[in-house]
Amino acid sequence: IYHVAKNRGVRMLVDAAQSAGHLDLNLGETPIDMVAFSGHKGLLGPL
C-alpha cells in the first residue's frame, strides 16, 4: 500500500499498535510517512 501511495502522491499513516514488537517493519526500506503505536503492548512497556 505504501508503494501505491507514494506513486500517487498520497501520504500514509499506519496504526502499528498490534504489530510493534511482533512484526518487522523496516522504515529504512519502506519509509511510511507516519507510524503510530502504543508502548504497552508488543513493546512490553508500561501503560
All heavy atoms as atom14 arrays in JSON, in Angstrom:
{
  "sequence": "IYHVAKNRGVRMLVDAAQSAGHLDLNLGETPIDMVAFSGHKGLLGPL",
  "atom14_mask": [
    [1, 1, 1, 1, 1, 1, 1, 1, 0, 0, 0, 0, 0, 0],
    [1, 1, 1, 1, 1, 1, 1, 1, 1, 1, 1, 1, 0, 0],
    [1, 1, 1, 1, 1, 1, 1, 1, 1, 1, 0, 0, 0, 0],
    [1, 1, 1, 1, 1, 1, 1, 0, 0, 0, 0, 0, 0, 0],
    [1, 1, 1, 1, 1, 0, 0, 0, 0, 0, 0, 0, 0, 0],
    [1, 1, 1, 1, 1, 1, 1, 1, 1, 0, 0, 0, 0, 0],
    [1, 1, 1, 1, 1, 1, 1, 1, 0, 0, 0, 0, 0, 0],
    [1, 1, 1, 1, 1, 1, 1, 1, 1, 1, 1, 0, 0, 0],
    [1, 1, 1, 1, 0, 0, 0, 0, 0, 0, 0, 0, 0, 0],
    [1, 1, 1, 1, 1, 1, 1, 0, 0, 0, 0, 0, 0, 0],
    [1, 1, 1, 1, 1, 1, 1, 1, 1, 1, 1, 0, 0, 0],
    [1, 1, 1, 1, 1, 1, 1, 1, 0, 0, 0, 0, 0, 0],
    [1, 1, 1, 1, 1, 1, 1, 1, 0, 0, 0, 0, 0, 0],
    [1, 1, 1, 1, 1, 1, 1, 0, 0, 0, 0, 0, 0, 0],
    [1, 1, 1, 1, 1, 1, 1, 1, 0, 0, 0, 0, 0, 0],
    [1, 1, 1, 1, 1, 0, 0, 0, 0, 0, 0, 0, 0, 0],
    [1, 1, 1, 1, 1, 0, 0, 0, 0, 0, 0, 0, 0, 0],
    [1, 1, 1, 1, 1, 1, 1, 1, 1, 0, 0, 0, 0, 0],
    [1, 1, 1, 1, 1, 1, 0, 0, 0, 0, 0, 0, 0, 0],
    [1, 1, 1, 1, 1, 0, 0, 0, 0, 0, 0, 0, 0, 0],
    [1, 1, 1, 1, 0, 0, 0, 0, 0, 0, 0, 0, 0, 0],
    [1, 1, 1, 1, 1, 1, 1, 1, 1, 1, 0, 0, 0, 0],
    [1, 1, 1, 1, 1, 1, 1, 1, 0, 0, 0, 0, 0, 0],
    [1, 1, 1, 1, 1, 1, 1, 1, 0, 0, 0, 0, 0, 0],
    [1, 1, 1, 1, 1, 1, 1, 1, 0, 0, 0, 0, 0, 0],
    [1, 1, 1, 1, 1, 1, 1, 1, 0, 0, 0, 0, 0, 0],
    [1, 1, 1, 1, 1, 1, 1, 1, 0, 0, 0, 0, 0, 0],
    [1, 1, 1, 1, 0, 0, 0, 0, 0, 0, 0, 0, 0, 0],
    [1, 1, 1, 1, 1, 1, 1, 1, 1, 0, 0, 0, 0, 0],
    [1, 1, 1, 1, 1, 1, 1, 0, 0, 0, 0, 0, 0, 0],
    [1, 1, 1, 1, 1, 1, 1, 0, 0, 0, 0, 0, 0, 0],
    [1, 1, 1, 1, 1, 1, 1, 1, 0, 0, 0, 0, 0, 0],
    [1, 1, 1, 1, 1, 1, 1, 1, 0, 0, 0, 0, 0, 0],
    [1, 1, 1, 1, 1, 1, 1, 1, 0, 0, 0, 0, 0, 0],
    [1, 1, 1, 1, 1, 1, 1, 0, 0, 0, 0, 0, 0, 0],
    [1, 1, 1, 1, 1, 0, 0, 0, 0, 0, 0, 0, 0, 0],
    [1, 1, 1, 1, 1, 1, 1, 1, 1, 1, 1, 0, 0, 0],
    [1, 1, 1, 1, 1, 1, 0, 0, 0, 0, 0, 0, 0, 0],
    [1, 1, 1, 1, 0, 0, 0, 0, 0, 0, 0, 0, 0, 0],
    [1, 1, 1, 1, 1, 1, 1, 1, 1, 1, 0, 0, 0, 0],
    [1, 1, 1, 1, 1, 1, 1, 1, 1, 0, 0, 0, 0, 0],
    [1, 1, 1, 1, 0, 0, 0, 0, 0, 0, 0, 0, 0, 0],
    [1, 1, 1, 1, 1, 1, 1, 1, 0, 0, 0, 0, 0, 0],
    [1, 1, 1, 1, 1, 1, 1, 1, 0, 0, 0, 0, 0, 0],
    [1, 1, 1, 1, 0, 0, 0, 0, 0, 0, 0, 0, 0, 0],
    [1, 1, 1, 1, 1, 1, 1, 0, 0, 0, 0, 0, 0, 0],
    [1, 1, 1, 1, 1, 1, 1, 1, 0, 0, 0, 0, 0, 0]
  ],
  "atom14_positions": [
    [[0.84, -1.2, 0.0], [0.0, 0.0, 0.0], [0.87, 1.25, 0.0], [0.56, 2.25, -0.66], [-0.96, -0.01, 1.21], [-1.97, -1.15, 1.05], [-1.67, 1.32, 1.35], [-2.81, -1.41, 2.28], [0.0, 0.0, 0.0], [0.0, 0.0, 0.0], [0.0, 0.0, 0.0], [0.0, 0.0, 0.0], [0.0, 0.0, 0.0], [0.0, 0.0, 0.0]],
    [[1.99, 1.2, 0.71], [2.9, 2.34, 0.73], [3.38, 2.69, -0.67], [3.42, 3.87, -1.06], [4.11, 2.07, 1.64], [5.25, 3.01, 1.37], [5.21, 4.33, 1.85], [6.34, 2.62, 0.6], [6.24, 5.21, 1.57], [7.37, 3.51, 0.32], [7.33, 4.79, 0.8], [8.34, 5.68, 0.52], [0.0, 0.0, 0.0], [0.0, 0.0, 0.0]],
    [[3.77, 1.69, -1.44], [4.28, 1.95, -2.79], [3.2, 2.56, -3.68], [3.48, 3.46, -4.49], [4.85, 0.68, -3.4], [6.1, 0.2, -2.71], [7.27, 0.94, -2.72], [6.36, -0.92, -2.0], [8.2, 0.29, -2.03], [7.67, -0.84, -1.58], [0.0, 0.0, 0.0], [0.0, 0.0, 0.0], [0.0, 0.0, 0.0], [0.0, 0.0, 0.0]],
    [[1.97, 2.1, -3.53], [0.85, 2.71, -4.26], [0.68, 4.16, -3.84], [0.54, 5.06, -4.68], [-0.45, 1.92, -4.02], [-1.67, 2.72, -4.48], [-0.4, 0.58, -4.74], [0.0, 0.0, 0.0], [0.0, 0.0, 0.0], [0.0, 0.0, 0.0], [0.0, 0.0, 0.0], [0.0, 0.0, 0.0], [0.0, 0.0, 0.0], [0.0, 0.0, 0.0]],
    [[0.69, 4.41, -2.53], [0.51, 5.77, -2.02], [1.62, 6.7, -2.53], [1.34, 7.83, -2.97], [0.5, 5.75, -0.5], [0.0, 0.0, 0.0], [0.0, 0.0, 0.0], [0.0, 0.0, 0.0], [0.0, 0.0, 0.0], [0.0, 0.0, 0.0], [0.0, 0.0, 0.0], [0.0, 0.0, 0.0], [0.0, 0.0, 0.0], [0.0, 0.0, 0.0]],
    [[2.84, 6.23, -2.49], [3.96, 7.05, -2.93], [3.83, 7.39, -4.41], [4.03, 8.54, -4.82], [5.28, 6.32, -2.66], [6.51, 7.14, -3.04], [7.79, 6.39, -2.75], [9.0, 7.24, -3.14], [10.28, 6.52, -2.88], [0.0, 0.0, 0.0], [0.0, 0.0, 0.0], [0.0, 0.0, 0.0], [0.0, 0.0, 0.0], [0.0, 0.0, 0.0]],
    [[3.48, 6.39, -5.22], [3.35, 6.61, -6.66], [2.23, 7.59, -7.0], [2.29, 8.27, -8.03], [3.11, 5.28, -7.38], [4.33, 4.38, -7.37], [5.46, 4.86, -7.21], [4.14, 3.08, -7.53], [0.0, 0.0, 0.0], [0.0, 0.0, 0.0], [0.0, 0.0, 0.0], [0.0, 0.0, 0.0], [0.0, 0.0, 0.0], [0.0, 0.0, 0.0]],
    [[1.21, 7.65, -6.13], [0.07, 8.52, -6.4], [0.14, 9.84, -5.61], [-0.8, 10.63, -5.64], [-1.23, 7.78, -6.06], [-1.46, 6.51, -6.88], [-1.76, 6.81, -8.34], [-3.04, 7.48, -8.47], [-4.21, 6.84, -8.57], [-4.24, 5.5, -8.56], [-5.33, 7.51, -8.7], [0.0, 0.0, 0.0], [0.0, 0.0, 0.0], [0.0, 0.0, 0.0]],
    [[1.22, 10.06, -4.9], [1.4, 11.31, -4.18], [0.51, 11.46, -2.96], [0.11, 12.57, -2.58], [0.0, 0.0, 0.0], [0.0, 0.0, 0.0], [0.0, 0.0, 0.0], [0.0, 0.0, 0.0], [0.0, 0.0, 0.0], [0.0, 0.0, 0.0], [0.0, 0.0, 0.0], [0.0, 0.0, 0.0], [0.0, 0.0, 0.0], [0.0, 0.0, 0.0]],
    [[0.2, 10.33, -2.3], [-0.68, 10.32, -1.14], [0.14, 9.95, 0.1], [0.96, 9.03, 0.05], [-1.84, 9.32, -1.34], [-2.72, 9.26, -0.09], [-2.66, 9.69, -2.56], [0.0, 0.0, 0.0], [0.0, 0.0, 0.0], [0.0, 0.0, 0.0], [0.0, 0.0, 0.0], [0.0, 0.0, 0.0], [0.0, 0.0, 0.0], [0.0, 0.0, 0.0]],
    [[-0.08, 10.64, 1.19], [0.61, 10.31, 2.44], [-0.04, 9.11, 3.11], [-1.2, 8.79, 2.85], [0.59, 11.5, 3.39], [1.28, 12.75, 2.85], [2.77, 12.54, 2.7], [3.42, 13.79, 2.28], [4.73, 13.9, 2.06], [5.51, 12.84, 2.21], [5.24, 15.05, 1.69], [0.0, 0.0, 0.0], [0.0, 0.0, 0.0], [0.0, 0.0, 0.0]],
    [[0.7, 8.48, 4.04], [0.22, 7.25, 4.65], [0.47, 7.26, 6.16], [1.57, 7.6, 6.61], [0.89, 6.04, 4.01], [0.36, 4.7, 4.48], [1.1, 3.36, 3.51], [0.42, 1.93, 4.36], [0.0, 0.0, 0.0], [0.0, 0.0, 0.0], [0.0, 0.0, 0.0], [0.0, 0.0, 0.0], [0.0, 0.0, 0.0], [0.0, 0.0, 0.0]],
    [[-0.56, 6.86, 6.91], [-0.47, 6.69, 8.36], [-0.76, 5.24, 8.69], [-1.78, 4.69, 8.26], [-1.5, 7.59, 9.05], [-1.8, 7.31, 10.53], [-0.56, 7.56, 11.39], [-2.98, 8.15, 11.01], [0.0, 0.0, 0.0], [0.0, 0.0, 0.0], [0.0, 0.0, 0.0], [0.0, 0.0, 0.0], [0.0, 0.0, 0.0], [0.0, 0.0, 0.0]],
    [[0.12, 4.62, 9.45], [-0.07, 3.23, 9.87], [-0.24, 3.16, 11.39], [0.57, 3.73, 12.13], [1.12, 2.34, 9.43], [1.07, 0.98, 10.11], [1.11, 2.16, 7.92], [0.0, 0.0, 0.0], [0.0, 0.0, 0.0], [0.0, 0.0, 0.0], [0.0, 0.0, 0.0], [0.0, 0.0, 0.0], [0.0, 0.0, 0.0], [0.0, 0.0, 0.0]],
    [[-1.31, 2.49, 11.79], [-1.54, 2.2, 13.2], [-0.85, 0.86, 13.49], [-1.32, -0.19, 13.09], [-3.04, 2.11, 13.46], [-3.38, 1.64, 14.87], [-2.47, 1.43, 15.68], [-4.59, 1.47, 15.15], [0.0, 0.0, 0.0], [0.0, 0.0, 0.0], [0.0, 0.0, 0.0], [0.0, 0.0, 0.0], [0.0, 0.0, 0.0], [0.0, 0.0, 0.0]],
    [[0.28, 0.93, 14.19], [1.07, -0.27, 14.47], [0.9, -0.75, 15.9], [1.78, -1.43, 16.44], [2.55, 0.01, 14.18], [0.0, 0.0, 0.0], [0.0, 0.0, 0.0], [0.0, 0.0, 0.0], [0.0, 0.0, 0.0], [0.0, 0.0, 0.0], [0.0, 0.0, 0.0], [0.0, 0.0, 0.0], [0.0, 0.0, 0.0], [0.0, 0.0, 0.0]],
    [[-0.24, -0.44, 16.51], [-0.46, -0.83, 17.9], [-0.34, -2.33, 18.11], [0.16, -2.79, 19.14], [-1.84, -0.34, 18.37], [0.0, 0.0, 0.0], [0.0, 0.0, 0.0], [0.0, 0.0, 0.0], [0.0, 0.0, 0.0], [0.0, 0.0, 0.0], [0.0, 0.0, 0.0], [0.0, 0.0, 0.0], [0.0, 0.0, 0.0], [0.0, 0.0, 0.0]],
    [[-0.82, -3.12, 17.13], [-0.8, -4.58, 17.28], [0.37, -5.24, 16.55], [0.47, -6.47, 16.56], [-2.12, -5.17, 16.77], [-3.34, -4.72, 17.54], [-3.34, -5.2, 18.98], [-2.68, -6.17, 19.34], [-4.1, -4.53, 19.82], [0.0, 0.0, 0.0], [0.0, 0.0, 0.0], [0.0, 0.0, 0.0], [0.0, 0.0, 0.0], [0.0, 0.0, 0.0]],
    [[1.23, -4.44, 15.94], [2.37, -5.05, 15.23], [3.72, -4.65, 15.79], [4.7, -5.4, 15.65], [2.32, -4.67, 13.74], [2.44, -3.27, 13.55], [0.0, 0.0, 0.0], [0.0, 0.0, 0.0], [0.0, 0.0, 0.0], [0.0, 0.0, 0.0], [0.0, 0.0, 0.0], [0.0, 0.0, 0.0], [0.0, 0.0, 0.0], [0.0, 0.0, 0.0]],
    [[3.82, -3.5, 16.44], [5.11, -3.07, 17.0], [5.59, -4.1, 18.02], [4.89, -4.41, 18.98], [4.97, -1.7, 17.65], [0.0, 0.0, 0.0], [0.0, 0.0, 0.0], [0.0, 0.0, 0.0], [0.0, 0.0, 0.0], [0.0, 0.0, 0.0], [0.0, 0.0, 0.0], [0.0, 0.0, 0.0], [0.0, 0.0, 0.0], [0.0, 0.0, 0.0]],
    [[6.77, -4.62, 17.8], [7.33, -5.65, 18.67], [6.98, -7.06, 18.23], [7.61, -8.03, 18.67], [0.0, 0.0, 0.0], [0.0, 0.0, 0.0], [0.0, 0.0, 0.0], [0.0, 0.0, 0.0], [0.0, 0.0, 0.0], [0.0, 0.0, 0.0], [0.0, 0.0, 0.0], [0.0, 0.0, 0.0], [0.0, 0.0, 0.0], [0.0, 0.0, 0.0]],
    [[5.97, -7.19, 17.37], [5.55, -8.5, 16.88], [6.04, -8.78, 15.46], [6.33, -9.92, 15.11], [4.02, -8.62, 16.88], [3.4, -8.56, 18.24], [3.63, -9.53, 19.2], [2.57, -7.64, 18.82], [2.95, -9.22, 20.31], [2.31, -8.09, 20.1], [0.0, 0.0, 0.0], [0.0, 0.0, 0.0], [0.0, 0.0, 0.0], [0.0, 0.0, 0.0]],
    [[6.09, -7.74, 14.64], [6.46, -7.88, 13.23], [7.55, -6.88, 12.89], [7.58, -5.77, 13.42], [5.26, -7.63, 12.32], [4.06, -8.57, 12.43], [2.95, -8.07, 11.52], [4.44, -10.0, 12.08], [0.0, 0.0, 0.0], [0.0, 0.0, 0.0], [0.0, 0.0, 0.0], [0.0, 0.0, 0.0], [0.0, 0.0, 0.0], [0.0, 0.0, 0.0]],
    [[8.43, -7.26, 11.97], [9.43, -6.32, 11.46], [8.75, -5.35, 10.51], [8.04, -5.75, 9.58], [10.54, -7.07, 10.72], [11.58, -7.64, 11.67], [12.0, -6.91, 12.59], [11.97, -8.81, 11.5], [0.0, 0.0, 0.0], [0.0, 0.0, 0.0], [0.0, 0.0, 0.0], [0.0, 0.0, 0.0], [0.0, 0.0, 0.0], [0.0, 0.0, 0.0]],
    [[8.97, -4.07, 10.73], [8.54, -3.03, 9.8], [9.74, -2.11, 9.62], [10.05, -1.3, 10.48], [7.34, -2.26, 10.35], [6.76, -1.16, 9.45], [6.32, -1.73, 8.11], [5.61, -0.44, 10.13], [0.0, 0.0, 0.0], [0.0, 0.0, 0.0], [0.0, 0.0, 0.0], [0.0, 0.0, 0.0], [0.0, 0.0, 0.0], [0.0, 0.0, 0.0]],
    [[10.42, -2.27, 8.49], [11.68, -1.58, 8.25], [11.41, -0.26, 7.53], [11.15, -0.24, 6.33], [12.61, -2.46, 7.41], [14.03, -1.9, 7.36], [14.22, -0.7, 7.24], [15.01, -2.78, 7.43], [0.0, 0.0, 0.0], [0.0, 0.0, 0.0], [0.0, 0.0, 0.0], [0.0, 0.0, 0.0], [0.0, 0.0, 0.0], [0.0, 0.0, 0.0]],
    [[11.48, 0.83, 8.27], [11.19, 2.14, 7.7], [12.36, 2.67, 6.88], [12.19, 3.66, 6.16], [10.82, 3.13, 8.8], [9.56, 2.78, 9.6], [9.26, 3.86, 10.63], [8.36, 2.58, 8.67], [0.0, 0.0, 0.0], [0.0, 0.0, 0.0], [0.0, 0.0, 0.0], [0.0, 0.0, 0.0], [0.0, 0.0, 0.0], [0.0, 0.0, 0.0]],
    [[13.5, 2.02, 6.97], [14.59, 2.37, 6.07], [14.29, 1.92, 4.66], [14.61, 2.6, 3.68], [0.0, 0.0, 0.0], [0.0, 0.0, 0.0], [0.0, 0.0, 0.0], [0.0, 0.0, 0.0], [0.0, 0.0, 0.0], [0.0, 0.0, 0.0], [0.0, 0.0, 0.0], [0.0, 0.0, 0.0], [0.0, 0.0, 0.0], [0.0, 0.0, 0.0]],
    [[13.64, 0.75, 4.54], [13.28, 0.23, 3.23], [11.91, 0.72, 2.77], [11.67, 0.89, 1.57], [13.26, -1.31, 3.29], [14.62, -1.92, 3.61], [14.54, -3.43, 3.78], [13.41, -3.98, 3.71], [15.6, -4.05, 3.99], [0.0, 0.0, 0.0], [0.0, 0.0, 0.0], [0.0, 0.0, 0.0], [0.0, 0.0, 0.0], [0.0, 0.0, 0.0]],
    [[11.0, 0.92, 3.72], [9.64, 1.36, 3.4], [9.33, 2.57, 4.27], [8.72, 2.46, 5.34], [8.62, 0.23, 3.69], [9.06, -0.98, 3.07], [7.24, 0.58, 3.15], [0.0, 0.0, 0.0], [0.0, 0.0, 0.0], [0.0, 0.0, 0.0], [0.0, 0.0, 0.0], [0.0, 0.0, 0.0], [0.0, 0.0, 0.0], [0.0, 0.0, 0.0]],
    [[9.76, 3.76, 3.85], [9.64, 4.95, 4.71], [8.22, 5.51, 4.77], [7.91, 6.59, 4.23], [10.62, 5.93, 4.06], [10.67, 5.53, 2.62], [10.5, 4.03, 2.61], [0.0, 0.0, 0.0], [0.0, 0.0, 0.0], [0.0, 0.0, 0.0], [0.0, 0.0, 0.0], [0.0, 0.0, 0.0], [0.0, 0.0, 0.0], [0.0, 0.0, 0.0]],
    [[7.35, 4.79, 5.45], [5.97, 5.23, 5.64], [5.97, 6.56, 6.38], [6.75, 6.78, 7.3], [5.18, 4.15, 6.42], [5.08, 2.88, 5.57], [3.8, 4.64, 6.81], [4.63, 1.65, 6.34], [0.0, 0.0, 0.0], [0.0, 0.0, 0.0], [0.0, 0.0, 0.0], [0.0, 0.0, 0.0], [0.0, 0.0, 0.0], [0.0, 0.0, 0.0]],
    [[5.06, 7.45, 5.99], [5.09, 8.83, 6.47], [4.93, 8.94, 7.97], [5.65, 9.69, 8.63], [3.98, 9.63, 5.77], [4.17, 9.68, 4.27], [5.1, 10.37, 3.83], [3.4, 9.02, 3.56], [0.0, 0.0, 0.0], [0.0, 0.0, 0.0], [0.0, 0.0, 0.0], [0.0, 0.0, 0.0], [0.0, 0.0, 0.0], [0.0, 0.0, 0.0]],
    [[3.94, 8.22, 8.52], [3.67, 8.29, 9.95], [3.32, 6.89, 10.46], [2.44, 6.24, 9.9], [2.49, 9.24, 10.24], [2.74, 10.68, 9.86], [1.27, 11.74, 10.07], [0.37, 11.38, 8.54], [0.0, 0.0, 0.0], [0.0, 0.0, 0.0], [0.0, 0.0, 0.0], [0.0, 0.0, 0.0], [0.0, 0.0, 0.0], [0.0, 0.0, 0.0]],
    [[4.02, 6.44, 11.48], [3.75, 5.14, 12.1], [3.54, 5.39, 13.59], [4.45, 5.82, 14.29], [4.9, 4.14, 11.87], [4.6, 2.83, 12.58], [5.12, 3.91, 10.39], [0.0, 0.0, 0.0], [0.0, 0.0, 0.0], [0.0, 0.0, 0.0], [0.0, 0.0, 0.0], [0.0, 0.0, 0.0], [0.0, 0.0, 0.0], [0.0, 0.0, 0.0]],
    [[2.33, 5.11, 14.06], [1.97, 5.36, 15.45], [1.74, 4.04, 16.17], [1.24, 3.07, 15.58], [0.7, 6.22, 15.52], [0.0, 0.0, 0.0], [0.0, 0.0, 0.0], [0.0, 0.0, 0.0], [0.0, 0.0, 0.0], [0.0, 0.0, 0.0], [0.0, 0.0, 0.0], [0.0, 0.0, 0.0], [0.0, 0.0, 0.0], [0.0, 0.0, 0.0]],
    [[2.09, 3.99, 17.45], [1.94, 2.75, 18.2], [1.93, 3.02, 19.7], [2.43, 4.04, 20.16], [3.05, 1.75, 17.87], [4.43, 2.36, 17.82], [5.23, 2.39, 18.95], [4.92, 2.9, 16.64], [6.5, 2.94, 18.91], [6.19, 3.47, 16.6], [6.98, 3.49, 17.73], [0.0, 0.0, 0.0], [0.0, 0.0, 0.0], [0.0, 0.0, 0.0]],
    [[1.34, 2.1, 20.42], [1.38, 2.14, 21.88], [2.67, 1.48, 22.36], [3.28, 0.69, 21.65], [0.17, 1.42, 22.47], [0.04, 0.13, 21.89], [0.0, 0.0, 0.0], [0.0, 0.0, 0.0], [0.0, 0.0, 0.0], [0.0, 0.0, 0.0], [0.0, 0.0, 0.0], [0.0, 0.0, 0.0], [0.0, 0.0, 0.0], [0.0, 0.0, 0.0]],
    [[3.05, 1.8, 23.59], [4.26, 1.21, 24.14], [4.01, 0.04, 25.05], [4.94, -0.7, 25.4], [0.0, 0.0, 0.0], [0.0, 0.0, 0.0], [0.0, 0.0, 0.0], [0.0, 0.0, 0.0], [0.0, 0.0, 0.0], [0.0, 0.0, 0.0], [0.0, 0.0, 0.0], [0.0, 0.0, 0.0], [0.0, 0.0, 0.0], [0.0, 0.0, 0.0]],
    [[2.75, -0.19, 25.42], [2.44, -1.16, 26.48], [1.98, -2.52, 25.96], [1.66, -3.39, 26.75], [1.36, -0.58, 27.4], [0.04, -0.38, 26.74], [-0.99, -1.3, 26.8], [-0.42, 0.64, 25.98], [-2.02, -0.84, 26.12], [-1.7, 0.34, 25.61], [0.0, 0.0, 0.0], [0.0, 0.0, 0.0], [0.0, 0.0, 0.0], [0.0, 0.0, 0.0]],
    [[1.96, -2.7, 24.65], [1.51, -3.99, 24.1], [2.74, -4.79, 23.66], [3.48, -5.28, 24.5], [0.52, -3.74, 22.96], [-0.72, -3.0, 23.47], [-1.78, -2.79, 22.42], [-2.95, -2.02, 23.0], [-4.07, -1.85, 22.07], [0.0, 0.0, 0.0], [0.0, 0.0, 0.0], [0.0, 0.0, 0.0], [0.0, 0.0, 0.0], [0.0, 0.0, 0.0]],
    [[2.96, -4.94, 22.37], [4.08, -5.76, 21.92], [5.44, -5.24, 22.29], [6.42, -6.0, 22.29], [0.0, 0.0, 0.0], [0.0, 0.0, 0.0], [0.0, 0.0, 0.0], [0.0, 0.0, 0.0], [0.0, 0.0, 0.0], [0.0, 0.0, 0.0], [0.0, 0.0, 0.0], [0.0, 0.0, 0.0], [0.0, 0.0, 0.0], [0.0, 0.0, 0.0]],
    [[5.55, -3.96, 22.62], [6.84, -3.41, 23.02], [7.14, -3.6, 24.5], [8.22, -3.23, 24.97], [6.91, -1.92, 22.66], [6.89, -1.61, 21.16], [6.97, -0.1, 20.92], [8.01, -2.33, 20.42], [0.0, 0.0, 0.0], [0.0, 0.0, 0.0], [0.0, 0.0, 0.0], [0.0, 0.0, 0.0], [0.0, 0.0, 0.0], [0.0, 0.0, 0.0]],
    [[6.17, -4.16, 25.24], [6.38, -4.64, 26.61], [6.6, -3.55, 27.64], [7.01, -3.82, 28.77], [7.56, -5.64, 26.66], [7.48, -6.81, 25.68], [8.76, -7.65, 25.77], [6.25, -7.67, 25.95], [0.0, 0.0, 0.0], [0.0, 0.0, 0.0], [0.0, 0.0, 0.0], [0.0, 0.0, 0.0], [0.0, 0.0, 0.0], [0.0, 0.0, 0.0]],
    [[6.31, -2.29, 27.28], [6.49, -1.21, 28.22], [5.27, -1.02, 29.11], [4.28, -1.75, 29.02], [0.0, 0.0, 0.0], [0.0, 0.0, 0.0], [0.0, 0.0, 0.0], [0.0, 0.0, 0.0], [0.0, 0.0, 0.0], [0.0, 0.0, 0.0], [0.0, 0.0, 0.0], [0.0, 0.0, 0.0], [0.0, 0.0, 0.0], [0.0, 0.0, 0.0]],
    [[5.3, -0.01, 29.98], [4.19, 0.27, 30.89], [3.02, 0.93, 30.15], [3.18, 1.49, 29.06], [4.78, 1.24, 31.91], [6.27, 1.12, 31.75], [6.49, 0.78, 30.32], [0.0, 0.0, 0.0], [0.0, 0.0, 0.0], [0.0, 0.0, 0.0], [0.0, 0.0, 0.0], [0.0, 0.0, 0.0], [0.0, 0.0, 0.0], [0.0, 0.0, 0.0]],
    [[1.85, 0.87, 30.75], [0.7, 1.63, 30.26], [1.0, 3.12, 30.3], [1.86, 3.59, 31.05], [-0.52, 1.32, 31.12], [-1.19, -0.04, 30.89], [-1.99, -0.45, 32.11], [-2.09, 0.01, 29.66], [0.0, 0.0, 0.0], [0.0, 0.0, 0.0], [0.0, 0.0, 0.0], [0.0, 0.0, 0.0], [0.0, 0.0, 0.0], [0.0, 0.0, 0.0]]
  ]
}
